Amino acid sequence: MRLPIKRRLITFCFLSIALLAGLLLSWPFFGGPAANQLSVAQSAELSLRKALQKQQAQAANLNRYEAQLRQMQTRYVQLLEQLPEQLMLDSLLAELDTQAQTHGLSVIQLTPRPATEHGFYTAVPIEIALSGQWEGIYTFIHQMALLSRMVTLDTIEITPLSARLTLITYWQGNTEATP
């Protein structure tokens, strides 16, 4: 037996509405969590892609970084070799006095100050007062850069015929053995 068209149409509409209502009501139970998981996974994918790109860039530069590290280690060893294991302050003071006299300068003051410890090295400031011509003072300061040991000029006060300098020398050790 066949149902009239009107009844078939009403039945079809009713079943379609029921199916649509069932899908809409079941969405929070079946589709909602999956959609949330999908959005979480997409954001995680984005952050993982960024991390991967960063790591790929680092990996691409790895050889350059390793070469730079080797250069820095070589330079560190060279600088450490310039840092004497003993203070040898007497020989440095004698060398400073000799350099000053060689360049026509008179040493007015040559005084070591208390040492300060900085981890694996110790710094000893030396105050120097010189008198003489500008050329001699300039050459004396230039000679400080050519010393075999590590020395820095901390302060410089120059007048036409004199100079006051604070020179800092370094050594591997502690402050117990310093003046």
Protein backbone atom coordinates (compact mmCIF):
# COMPACT_ATOMS: atom_id res chain seq x y z
CA MET A 1 0.00 0.00 0.00
CA ARG A 2 1.21 3.29 -1.01
CA LEU A 3 0.76 6.40 1.06
CA PRO A 4 -0.50 9.50 -0.56
CA ILE A 5 2.11 12.03 -1.60
CA LYS A 6 1.06 14.54 0.98
CA ARG A 7 1.57 12.04 3.76
CA ARG A 8 4.90 10.89 2.36
CA LEU A 9 6.04 14.50 2.21
CA ILE A 10 4.98 15.14 5.82
CA THR A 11 6.73 11.96 6.95
CA PHE A 12 9.88 12.92 5.06
CA CYS A 13 9.88 16.43 6.61
CA PHE A 14 9.26 15.03 10.08
CA LEU A 15 12.11 12.50 9.73
CA SER A 16 14.44 15.19 8.34
CA ILE A 17 13.64 17.54 11.22
CA ALA A 18 14.11 14.71 13.73
CA LEU A 19 17.45 13.73 12.17
CA LEU A 20 18.62 17.37 12.16
CA ALA A 21 17.51 17.87 15.78
CA GLY A 22 19.29 14.66 16.77
CA LEU A 23 22.50 15.84 15.12
CA LEU A 24 22.28 19.26 16.77
CA LEU A 25 21.57 17.80 20.19
CA SER A 26 24.36 15.22 19.91
CA TRP A 27 26.99 17.78 18.76
CA PRO A 28 28.23 18.64 22.28
CA PHE A 29 28.71 14.93 23.02
CA PHE A 30 30.29 13.77 19.77
CA GLY A 31 31.43 16.73 17.64
CA GLY A 32 32.29 19.38 20.24
CA PRO A 33 35.21 17.62 21.94
CA ALA A 34 36.64 16.63 18.60
CA ALA A 35 36.47 20.23 17.37
CA ASN A 36 38.19 21.43 20.55
CA GLN A 37 40.88 18.78 20.17
CA LEU A 38 41.36 19.84 16.58
CA SER A 39 41.86 23.52 17.50
CA VAL A 40 44.29 22.55 20.32
CA ALA A 41 46.20 20.30 17.93
CA GLN A 42 46.36 23.07 15.31
CA SER A 43 47.77 25.59 17.79
CA ALA A 44 50.25 22.99 19.06
CA GLU A 45 51.27 22.29 15.47
CA LEU A 46 51.91 25.99 14.90
CA SER A 47 54.12 26.32 17.98
CA LEU A 48 55.96 23.09 17.09
CA ARG A 49 56.58 24.37 13.56
CA LYS A 50 58.06 27.59 14.96
CA ALA A 51 60.30 25.61 17.32
CA LEU A 52 61.37 23.37 14.44
CA GLN A 53 62.25 26.38 12.28
CA LYS A 54 64.30 27.85 15.12
CA GLN A 55 66.14 24.58 15.66
CA GLN A 56 66.73 24.18 11.93
CA ALA A 57 68.27 27.66 11.82
CA GLN A 58 70.50 26.79 14.77
CA ALA A 59 71.48 23.49 13.14
CA ALA A 60 72.29 25.28 9.89
CA ASN A 61 74.67 27.59 11.80
CA LEU A 62 76.15 24.86 13.99
CA ASN A 63 79.43 24.66 12.07
CA ARG A 64 79.86 28.43 12.28
CA TYR A 65 79.11 28.40 16.02
CA GLU A 66 81.58 25.57 16.61
CA ALA A 67 84.29 27.40 14.65
CA GLN A 68 83.59 30.56 16.66
CA LEU A 69 83.79 28.56 19.90
CA ARG A 70 87.16 27.09 18.86
CA GLN A 71 88.44 30.62 18.09
CA MET A 72 87.25 31.87 21.47
CA GLN A 73 88.89 28.93 23.26
CA THR A 74 92.17 29.57 21.42
CA ARG A 75 92.03 33.28 22.31
CA TYR A 76 91.22 32.39 25.93
CA VAL A 77 94.31 30.15 26.12
CA GLN A 78 96.45 32.93 24.60
CA LEU A 79 95.17 35.48 27.12
CA LEU A 80 95.64 33.04 29.97
CA GLU A 81 99.26 32.58 28.91
CA GLN A 82 99.73 36.35 29.32
CA LEU A 83 98.48 36.04 32.88
CA PRO A 84 101.50 35.01 34.98
CA GLU A 85 101.10 32.37 37.66
CA GLN A 86 103.07 34.51 40.13
CA LEU A 87 102.74 38.20 40.77
CA MET A 88 106.40 39.05 39.99
CA LEU A 89 105.67 42.63 41.01
CA ASP A 90 109.34 43.52 41.62
CA SER A 91 110.31 42.67 38.03
CA LEU A 92 107.35 44.66 36.67
CA LEU A 93 108.21 47.73 38.79
CA ALA A 94 111.83 47.49 37.64
CA GLU A 95 110.71 47.23 34.01
CA LEU A 96 108.43 50.26 34.40
CA ASP A 97 111.28 52.27 35.94
CA THR A 98 113.65 51.23 33.15
CA GLN A 99 111.10 52.11 30.44
CA ALA A 100 110.54 55.54 32.00
CA GLN A 101 114.26 56.29 32.19
CA THR A 102 114.81 55.01 28.63
CA HIS A 103 112.34 57.61 27.36
CA GLY A 104 113.80 60.49 29.36
CA LEU A 105 111.23 60.48 32.16
CA SER A 106 111.73 60.81 35.89
CA VAL A 107 109.68 58.50 38.09
CA ILE A 108 108.24 60.54 40.94
CA GLN A 109 105.99 57.82 42.36
CA LEU A 110 105.69 54.08 41.68
CA THR A 111 103.32 52.65 44.31
CA PRO A 112 101.47 49.31 44.21
CA ARG A 113 98.00 49.42 45.81
CA PRO A 114 96.05 46.61 47.50
CA ALA A 115 95.05 43.79 45.19
CA THR A 116 91.49 42.77 44.41
CA GLU A 117 90.48 39.22 43.59
CA HIS A 118 88.20 38.57 40.61
CA GLY A 119 87.52 34.84 40.46
CA PHE A 120 90.44 33.11 38.75
CA TYR A 121 92.64 36.21 38.53
CA THR A 122 93.81 39.00 40.81
CA ALA A 123 94.29 42.66 39.83
CA VAL A 124 96.97 44.86 41.38
CA PRO A 125 96.75 48.62 40.68
CA ILE A 126 100.02 50.54 40.48
CA GLU A 127 100.05 54.33 40.72
CA ILE A 128 102.74 55.99 38.66
CA ALA A 129 103.72 59.67 38.60
CA LEU A 130 106.13 60.75 35.86
CA SER A 131 107.74 63.99 34.82
CA GLY A 132 109.26 64.74 31.44
CA GLN A 133 108.48 65.72 27.87
CA TRP A 134 105.19 64.82 26.18
CA GLU A 135 106.90 62.57 23.59
CA GLY A 136 108.53 60.52 26.33
CA ILE A 137 105.22 60.15 28.18
CA TYR A 138 103.48 59.09 24.98
CA THR A 139 106.18 56.52 24.16
CA PHE A 140 106.10 55.19 27.74
CA ILE A 141 102.33 54.69 27.53
CA HIS A 142 102.73 53.01 24.13
CA GLN A 143 105.33 50.64 25.59
CA MET A 144 102.82 49.51 28.23
CA ALA A 145 100.77 47.90 25.43
CA LEU A 146 103.85 45.99 24.26
CA LEU A 147 104.63 44.37 27.61
CA SER A 148 104.68 40.58 27.60
CA ARG A 149 102.25 40.43 30.50
CA MET A 150 98.68 41.69 30.65
CA VAL A 151 98.54 45.32 31.81
CA THR A 152 95.82 47.94 31.42
CA LEU A 153 95.84 51.68 31.97
CA ASP A 154 92.96 52.60 34.25
CA THR A 155 93.34 56.36 34.68
CA ILE A 156 95.55 58.88 32.91
CA GLU A 157 96.10 62.52 33.87
CA ILE A 158 98.52 64.34 31.60
CA THR A 159 99.83 67.88 31.98
CA PRO A 160 102.42 69.47 29.68
CA LEU A 161 105.42 68.15 31.65
CA SER A 162 104.03 65.35 33.85
CA ALA A 163 101.61 62.45 33.98
CA ARG A 164 99.80 60.45 36.65
CA LEU A 165 98.76 56.95 35.64
CA THR A 166 97.06 54.05 37.31
CA LEU A 167 98.26 50.87 35.73
CA ILE A 168 96.63 47.54 36.58
CA THR A 169 98.53 44.28 36.32
CA TYR A 170 96.95 40.85 36.57
CA TRP A 171 98.04 37.42 37.67
CA GLN A 172 96.61 33.98 38.35
CA GLY A 173 96.35 33.67 42.07
CA ASN A 174 94.82 35.02 45.23
CA THR A 175 95.33 38.23 47.16
CA GLU A 176 97.20 36.56 50.04
CA ALA A 177 100.56 36.83 48.26
CA THR A 178 100.20 40.47 47.15
CA PRO A 179 101.57 43.63 48.81
